[in-house]
């Protein structure tokens, strides 16, 4: 338990008898507790005697000049510690709302979201709530979900999260997977492509463990013939660099590669293969615990921002599907 201080809000909000008891337990002396709390020794003694009478149990044993907790006192002290901890957490949330203290938000995210979407979300959130500390872990889709499940992250940005009772998919947006290539690539003029057409050229594939790879493998399983040697990497940024420099074809959604597409350094071609029609961008939270105040504020901010940021994807996908159907 933190050192007893007269200005500690949690202790001041709690019943005096419990506050006095906890300080005596910590310092081992009523006189020392009196000095610490700036309260008369007689008042502290009366409160402890009242507690013992109310509980019908002895809370302290006298050992020389010091007081030592009896078994009942140890049990009561454990309760007081838990209560103080709950008070502290509640006060931190209330103060964060008022901008008086620093709340915290722990985020786990995949690389593509971390490159473009998340910086915008965090920056706009920090402008509204500058007192809240934000920590970000960039990892794989599966690991991001696991961090939320293990309570090591409050909010997770991932693709195709596992179907488990420990996670709640609080928001999702389906995004088409496409082929990324340099504008002078032989396939760059095609309106849409199939994966089999891409296999005729050098490829850069996402590493096993990334959500994109499982969908690509599912599509490849439906294509007869063996795949030639390919480059494999666990970084989408690296694969985009290869697509620019080595004229290979990479695969991902448009999230994270906006700058390359806007500058014309790369082009994005939707793929017709059914498993690649939609990669589900999801915001996940724990199903086993409610979001605290600061993470809850960030989550609400993120959902509103993403709905504004990604409003036309359903229309894009419908348009792409119509083009694909016309080609069949």
Protein backbone atom coordinates (compact mmCIF):
# COMPACT_ATOMS: atom_id res chain seq x y z
CA UNK A 1 0.00 0.00 0.00
CA UNK A 2 1.26 3.49 -0.74
CA UNK A 3 2.59 5.57 2.14
CA UNK A 4 -0.15 7.07 4.31
CA UNK A 5 -0.65 10.75 3.48
CA UNK A 6 -3.27 13.08 4.93
CA UNK A 7 -4.09 14.42 1.47
CA UNK A 8 -4.63 10.98 -0.10
CA UNK A 9 -8.11 11.19 -1.66
CA UNK A 10 -8.84 7.49 -1.47
CA UNK A 11 -8.16 7.36 2.28
CA UNK A 12 -10.04 10.58 2.95
CA UNK A 13 -13.08 9.23 1.13
CA UNK A 14 -13.00 6.00 3.11
CA UNK A 15 -14.36 5.51 6.67
CA UNK A 16 -12.02 6.98 9.33
CA UNK A 17 -11.90 3.73 11.29
CA UNK A 18 -10.55 1.86 8.28
CA UNK A 19 -8.07 4.63 7.44
CA UNK A 20 -6.74 4.73 10.99
CA UNK A 21 -6.54 0.95 11.16
CA UNK A 22 -4.56 0.69 7.92
CA UNK A 23 -2.01 3.34 8.98
CA UNK A 24 -1.50 1.71 12.38
CA UNK A 25 -1.04 -1.64 10.61
CA UNK A 26 1.52 -0.09 8.28
CA UNK A 27 3.49 1.79 10.94
CA UNK A 28 3.02 -0.66 13.83
CA UNK A 29 2.20 2.06 16.33
CA UNK A 30 -0.75 4.26 17.28
CA UNK A 31 1.65 7.08 18.20
CA UNK A 32 3.36 6.89 14.80
CA UNK A 33 -0.02 6.82 13.07
CA UNK A 34 -1.04 9.89 15.08
CA UNK A 35 1.95 11.82 13.78
CA UNK A 36 1.42 10.62 10.21
CA UNK A 37 -2.29 11.48 10.14
CA UNK A 38 -2.09 14.54 12.39
CA UNK A 39 -4.89 13.01 14.47
CA UNK A 40 -4.90 12.56 18.24
CA UNK A 41 -3.74 9.15 19.46
CA UNK A 42 -6.88 8.84 21.60
CA UNK A 43 -9.10 9.32 18.54
CA UNK A 44 -7.22 6.64 16.60
CA UNK A 45 -7.35 4.27 19.56
CA UNK A 46 -11.12 4.77 19.93
CA UNK A 47 -11.71 3.98 16.26
CA UNK A 48 -9.70 0.76 16.43
CA UNK A 49 -11.46 -0.33 19.63
CA UNK A 50 -14.77 0.39 17.90
CA UNK A 51 -13.73 -1.76 14.94
CA UNK A 52 -12.73 -4.66 17.19
CA UNK A 53 -16.01 -4.41 19.10
CA UNK A 54 -18.07 -4.22 15.91
CA UNK A 55 -16.30 -7.23 14.40
CA UNK A 56 -16.02 -9.17 17.64
CA UNK A 57 -12.39 -9.93 16.85
CA UNK A 58 -8.97 -8.76 18.00
CA UNK A 59 -7.16 -6.96 15.20
CA UNK A 60 -3.75 -6.34 16.84
CA UNK A 61 -1.39 -8.12 19.21
CA UNK A 62 1.06 -6.10 21.30
CA UNK A 63 4.70 -7.16 20.87
CA UNK A 64 6.93 -5.00 23.05
CA UNK A 65 6.19 -1.41 22.09
CA UNK A 66 4.79 -2.30 18.68
CA UNK A 67 1.47 -3.57 17.47
CA UNK A 68 1.39 -6.63 15.22
CA UNK A 69 -1.59 -7.68 13.13
CA UNK A 70 -3.60 -10.61 14.44
CA UNK A 71 -5.05 -13.05 11.90
CA UNK A 72 -8.31 -11.09 11.72
CA UNK A 73 -6.29 -7.89 11.21
CA UNK A 74 -4.42 -9.39 8.25
CA UNK A 75 -7.70 -10.32 6.58
CA UNK A 76 -9.14 -6.86 7.18
CA UNK A 77 -5.97 -5.14 5.91
CA UNK A 78 -6.15 -7.14 2.65
CA UNK A 79 -9.71 -5.87 2.19
CA UNK A 80 -8.65 -2.28 2.85
CA UNK A 81 -5.82 -2.54 0.30
CA UNK A 82 -8.20 -3.81 -2.35
CA UNK A 83 -10.64 -1.04 -1.54
CA UNK A 84 -7.99 1.67 -1.71
CA UNK A 85 -6.83 0.28 -5.05
CA UNK A 86 -10.38 0.46 -6.41
CA UNK A 87 -10.73 4.00 -5.10
CA UNK A 88 -7.47 5.05 -6.72
CA UNK A 89 -8.50 3.62 -10.09
CA UNK A 90 -11.89 5.32 -9.91
CA UNK A 91 -10.37 8.65 -8.94
CA UNK A 92 -7.82 8.39 -11.75
CA UNK A 93 -10.65 7.93 -14.24
CA UNK A 94 -12.64 10.85 -12.83
CA UNK A 95 -9.57 13.07 -12.85
CA UNK A 96 -8.74 12.01 -16.40
CA UNK A 97 -12.21 13.13 -17.43
CA UNK A 98 -11.50 16.54 -15.89
CA UNK A 99 -8.01 16.67 -17.38
CA UNK A 100 -6.44 16.62 -13.91
CA UNK A 101 -4.47 13.39 -14.18
CA UNK A 102 -2.99 11.22 -16.88
CA UNK A 103 -5.17 8.30 -17.82
CA UNK A 104 -3.68 5.55 -19.99
CA UNK A 105 -4.71 3.75 -23.18
CA UNK A 106 -2.79 0.69 -24.38
CA UNK A 107 -3.26 -0.11 -28.07
CA UNK A 108 -2.19 -3.17 -30.06
CA UNK A 109 -2.26 -2.78 -33.82
CA UNK A 110 -1.22 -4.30 -37.10
CA UNK A 111 1.40 -2.54 -39.21
CA UNK A 112 -0.87 -1.22 -41.95
CA UNK A 113 -3.17 0.55 -39.47
CA UNK A 114 -0.14 1.91 -37.60
CA UNK A 115 1.20 3.59 -40.75
CA UNK A 116 -1.71 5.85 -41.66
CA UNK A 117 -4.97 5.39 -39.77
CA UNK A 118 -3.68 5.16 -36.22
CA UNK A 119 -1.41 8.25 -36.23
CA UNK A 120 -4.41 10.33 -37.30
CA UNK A 121 -6.60 8.76 -34.61
CA UNK A 122 -4.06 9.20 -31.83
CA UNK A 123 -3.23 12.78 -32.83
CA UNK A 124 -6.85 13.90 -32.96
CA UNK A 125 -7.57 12.08 -29.68
CA UNK A 126 -4.60 13.74 -27.97
CA UNK A 127 -5.80 17.14 -29.12
CA UNK A 128 -9.04 16.52 -27.26
CA UNK A 129 -7.52 14.75 -24.24
CA UNK A 130 -3.88 15.88 -23.88
CA UNK A 131 -3.58 14.48 -20.37
CA UNK A 132 -4.11 10.87 -21.42
CA UNK A 133 -1.03 8.73 -22.07
CA UNK A 134 -1.21 6.48 -25.14
CA UNK A 135 1.04 3.47 -25.70
CA UNK A 136 1.07 1.58 -29.01
CA UNK A 137 2.39 -1.90 -29.80
CA UNK A 138 2.75 -2.79 -33.49
CA UNK A 139 2.53 -6.52 -34.08
CA UNK A 140 0.79 -9.23 -36.14
CA UNK A 141 -2.98 -9.55 -36.44
CA UNK A 142 -3.10 -12.64 -34.22
CA UNK A 143 -0.77 -11.19 -31.60
CA UNK A 144 -2.76 -7.95 -31.42
CA UNK A 145 -5.86 -9.98 -30.57
CA UNK A 146 -3.91 -12.02 -28.00
CA UNK A 147 -2.64 -8.87 -26.27
CA UNK A 148 -6.21 -7.64 -25.83
CA UNK A 149 -7.33 -11.06 -24.64
CA UNK A 150 -4.50 -11.13 -22.07
CA UNK A 151 -5.40 -7.62 -20.83
CA UNK A 152 -2.01 -6.30 -22.01
CA UNK A 153 -3.80 -3.95 -24.40
CA UNK A 154 -7.14 -2.18 -24.01
CA UNK A 155 -8.01 -1.79 -27.70
CA UNK A 156 -6.79 -3.83 -30.65
CA UNK A 157 -6.76 -2.99 -34.37
CA UNK A 158 -6.50 -6.23 -36.29
CA UNK A 159 -7.69 -8.13 -39.34
CA UNK A 160 -9.89 -11.24 -39.16
CA UNK A 161 -9.65 -11.71 -35.36
CA UNK A 162 -10.12 -15.21 -33.92
CA UNK A 163 -13.65 -16.22 -33.00
CA UNK A 164 -13.34 -16.50 -29.23
CA UNK A 165 -15.57 -15.70 -26.27
CA UNK A 166 -12.72 -13.66 -24.75
CA UNK A 167 -12.92 -10.96 -27.45
CA UNK A 168 -15.62 -8.57 -28.58
CA UNK A 169 -15.46 -7.26 -32.14
CA UNK A 170 -16.71 -3.77 -31.40
CA UNK A 171 -16.33 -2.40 -34.93
CA UNK A 172 -15.45 -3.87 -38.32
CA UNK A 173 -15.03 -2.81 -41.92
CA UNK A 174 -14.52 -5.18 -44.85
CA UNK A 175 -11.70 -4.12 -47.18
CA UNK A 176 -10.82 -5.74 -50.53
CA UNK A 177 -7.37 -7.27 -50.96
CA UNK A 178 -5.53 -6.25 -54.08
CA UNK A 179 -2.27 -6.62 -55.97
CA UNK A 180 0.23 -3.80 -55.54
CA UNK A 181 2.72 -3.09 -58.30
CA UNK A 182 4.72 -0.35 -59.98
CA UNK A 183 2.84 1.65 -62.64
CA UNK A 184 5.09 0.26 -65.40
CA UNK A 185 4.42 -3.37 -64.44
CA UNK A 186 2.90 -5.45 -67.29
CA UNK A 187 -0.29 -5.99 -65.26
CA UNK A 188 -0.67 -2.37 -64.18
CA UNK A 189 -3.16 -1.54 -66.94
CA UNK A 190 -5.60 -4.32 -65.99
CA UNK A 191 -8.74 -3.12 -64.25
CA UNK A 192 -9.01 -6.18 -62.00
CA UNK A 193 -6.86 -9.30 -61.69
CA UNK A 194 -6.99 -12.87 -60.46
CA UNK A 195 -4.30 -14.37 -58.31
CA UNK A 196 -3.46 -16.89 -61.03
CA UNK A 197 -2.57 -14.03 -63.40
CA UNK A 198 -0.23 -12.61 -60.76
CA UNK A 199 1.53 -15.96 -60.33
CA UNK A 200 3.19 -15.50 -63.72
CA UNK A 201 5.37 -12.76 -62.19
CA UNK A 202 7.71 -12.47 -59.17
CA UNK A 203 5.77 -12.12 -55.92
CA UNK A 204 6.30 -10.77 -52.42
CA UNK A 205 4.03 -12.65 -50.02
CA UNK A 206 3.12 -11.80 -46.44
CA UNK A 207 4.77 -14.12 -43.94
CA UNK A 208 2.83 -16.97 -42.35
CA UNK A 209 1.00 -15.57 -39.33
CA UNK A 210 -0.23 -12.42 -41.04
CA UNK A 211 -3.96 -12.42 -41.77
CA UNK A 212 -3.35 -11.68 -45.46
CA UNK A 213 -1.27 -14.84 -45.86
CA UNK A 214 -4.02 -17.18 -44.71
CA UNK A 215 -6.38 -15.72 -47.32
CA UNK A 216 -3.75 -15.88 -50.07
CA UNK A 217 -2.96 -19.52 -49.19
CA UNK A 218 -6.67 -20.35 -49.38
CA UNK A 219 -6.80 -18.87 -52.89
CA UNK A 220 -3.60 -20.62 -54.00
CA UNK A 221 -5.00 -23.97 -52.89
CA UNK A 222 -7.65 -23.57 -55.60
CA UNK A 223 -5.09 -22.88 -58.35
CA UNK A 224 -3.52 -25.93 -59.99
CA UNK A 225 0.24 -26.07 -60.48
CA UNK A 226 3.13 -25.20 -58.22
CA UNK A 227 4.18 -21.72 -57.21
CA UNK A 228 7.57 -20.43 -58.35
CA UNK A 229 10.06 -19.06 -55.83
CA UNK A 230 8.74 -15.98 -54.04
CA UNK A 231 9.92 -13.40 -51.53
CA UNK A 232 8.37 -13.66 -48.07
CA UNK A 233 8.35 -10.93 -45.42
CA UNK A 234 6.47 -9.99 -42.24
CA UNK A 235 6.54 -6.27 -43.11
CA UNK A 236 4.03 -4.75 -45.51
CA UNK A 237 6.22 -1.65 -45.80
CA UNK A 238 9.12 -3.83 -47.00
CA UNK A 239 6.89 -5.55 -49.55
CA UNK A 240 5.74 -2.19 -50.91
CA UNK A 241 9.38 -1.12 -51.25
CA UNK A 242 10.08 -4.29 -53.24
CA UNK A 243 7.10 -3.60 -55.47
CA UNK A 244 8.50 -0.14 -56.20
CA UNK A 245 12.13 -1.17 -56.69
CA UNK A 246 12.14 -4.80 -57.89
CA UNK A 247 8.94 -4.82 -59.93
CA UNK A 248 7.47 -7.64 -57.88
CA UNK A 249 3.78 -7.89 -57.00
CA UNK A 250 2.75 -7.43 -53.38
CA UNK A 251 -0.63 -7.98 -51.74
CA UNK A 252 -2.57 -6.00 -49.15
CA UNK A 253 -5.58 -3.76 -48.67
CA UNK A 254 -5.36 -0.07 -49.49
CA UNK A 255 -4.89 0.71 -45.78
CA UNK A 256 -1.30 1.75 -45.17
CA UNK A 257 -0.34 2.36 -48.79
CA UNK A 258 -2.28 5.57 -49.39
CA UNK A 259 0.82 7.71 -49.97
CA UNK A 260 2.23 5.32 -52.57
CA UNK A 261 -1.10 5.23 -54.40
CA UNK A 262 -1.66 9.00 -54.27
CA UNK A 263 1.86 9.71 -55.52
CA UNK A 264 1.53 7.18 -58.34
CA UNK A 265 4.51 5.12 -57.17
CA UNK A 266 2.26 2.06 -56.92
CA UNK A 267 -1.08 0.98 -58.31
CA UNK A 268 -3.70 -1.16 -56.57
CA UNK A 269 -5.63 -3.80 -58.52
CA UNK A 270 -8.50 -5.63 -56.76
CA UNK A 271 -8.32 -9.43 -56.99
CA UNK A 272 -11.25 -11.49 -58.19
CA UNK A 273 -10.53 -14.57 -56.05
CA UNK A 274 -13.34 -15.08 -53.55
CA UNK A 275 -11.14 -15.52 -50.43
CA UNK A 276 -9.53 -12.17 -51.26
CA UNK A 277 -12.74 -10.18 -51.64
CA UNK A 278 -12.69 -8.77 -48.12
CA UNK A 279 -10.18 -8.62 -45.30
CA UNK A 280 -12.07 -7.62 -42.16
CA UNK A 281 -10.50 -4.69 -40.32
CA UNK A 282 -11.72 -4.96 -36.73
CA UNK A 283 -11.44 -3.08 -33.47
CA UNK A 284 -11.45 -5.63 -30.66
CA UNK A 285 -11.87 -5.23 -26.92
CA UNK A 286 -11.95 -7.71 -24.07
CA UNK A 287 -15.24 -9.50 -23.48
CA UNK A 288 -14.20 -10.26 -19.89
CA UNK A 289 -13.74 -6.73 -18.60
CA UNK A 290 -15.32 -3.38 -19.28
CA UNK A 291 -13.17 -0.65 -20.75
CA UNK A 292 -11.94 1.87 -18.20
CA UNK A 293 -12.76 5.51 -18.80
CA UNK A 294 -9.71 6.56 -20.84
CA UNK A 295 -9.68 3.49 -23.15
CA UNK A 296 -13.43 3.86 -23.51
CA UNK A 297 -13.05 7.46 -24.65
CA UNK A 298 -10.38 6.43 -27.16
CA UNK A 299 -12.51 3.58 -28.48
CA UNK A 300 -15.50 5.87 -29.06
CA UNK A 301 -13.24 8.42 -30.74
CA UNK A 302 -11.72 5.74 -33.00
CA UNK A 303 -15.06 4.31 -34.12
CA UNK A 304 -16.46 7.74 -35.01
CA UNK A 305 -13.26 8.70 -36.85
CA UNK A 306 -13.07 5.43 -38.81
CA UNK A 307 -16.69 5.69 -39.89
CA UNK A 308 -15.87 9.11 -41.32
CA UNK A 309 -12.53 7.93 -42.74
CA UNK A 310 -13.82 4.77 -44.42
CA UNK A 311 -17.35 5.67 -45.54
CA UNK A 312 -17.20 4.55 -49.16
CA UNK A 313 -15.62 1.12 -48.93
CA UNK A 314 -18.94 -0.73 -49.22
CA UNK A 315 -19.68 1.22 -52.40
CA UNK A 316 -16.20 0.52 -53.73
CA UNK A 317 -16.58 -3.19 -53.05
CA UNK A 318 -20.02 -3.28 -54.69
CA UNK A 319 -18.58 -1.55 -57.76
CA UNK A 320 -15.63 -3.93 -57.86
CA UNK A 321 -17.91 -6.96 -57.51
CA UNK A 322 -20.02 -5.74 -60.41
CA UNK A 323 -16.94 -5.40 -62.62
CA UNK A 324 -15.80 -8.86 -61.64
CA UNK A 325 -19.21 -10.35 -62.43
CA UNK A 326 -19.18 -8.70 -65.84
CA UNK A 327 -15.83 -10.33 -66.60
CA UNK A 328 -17.03 -13.85 -65.71
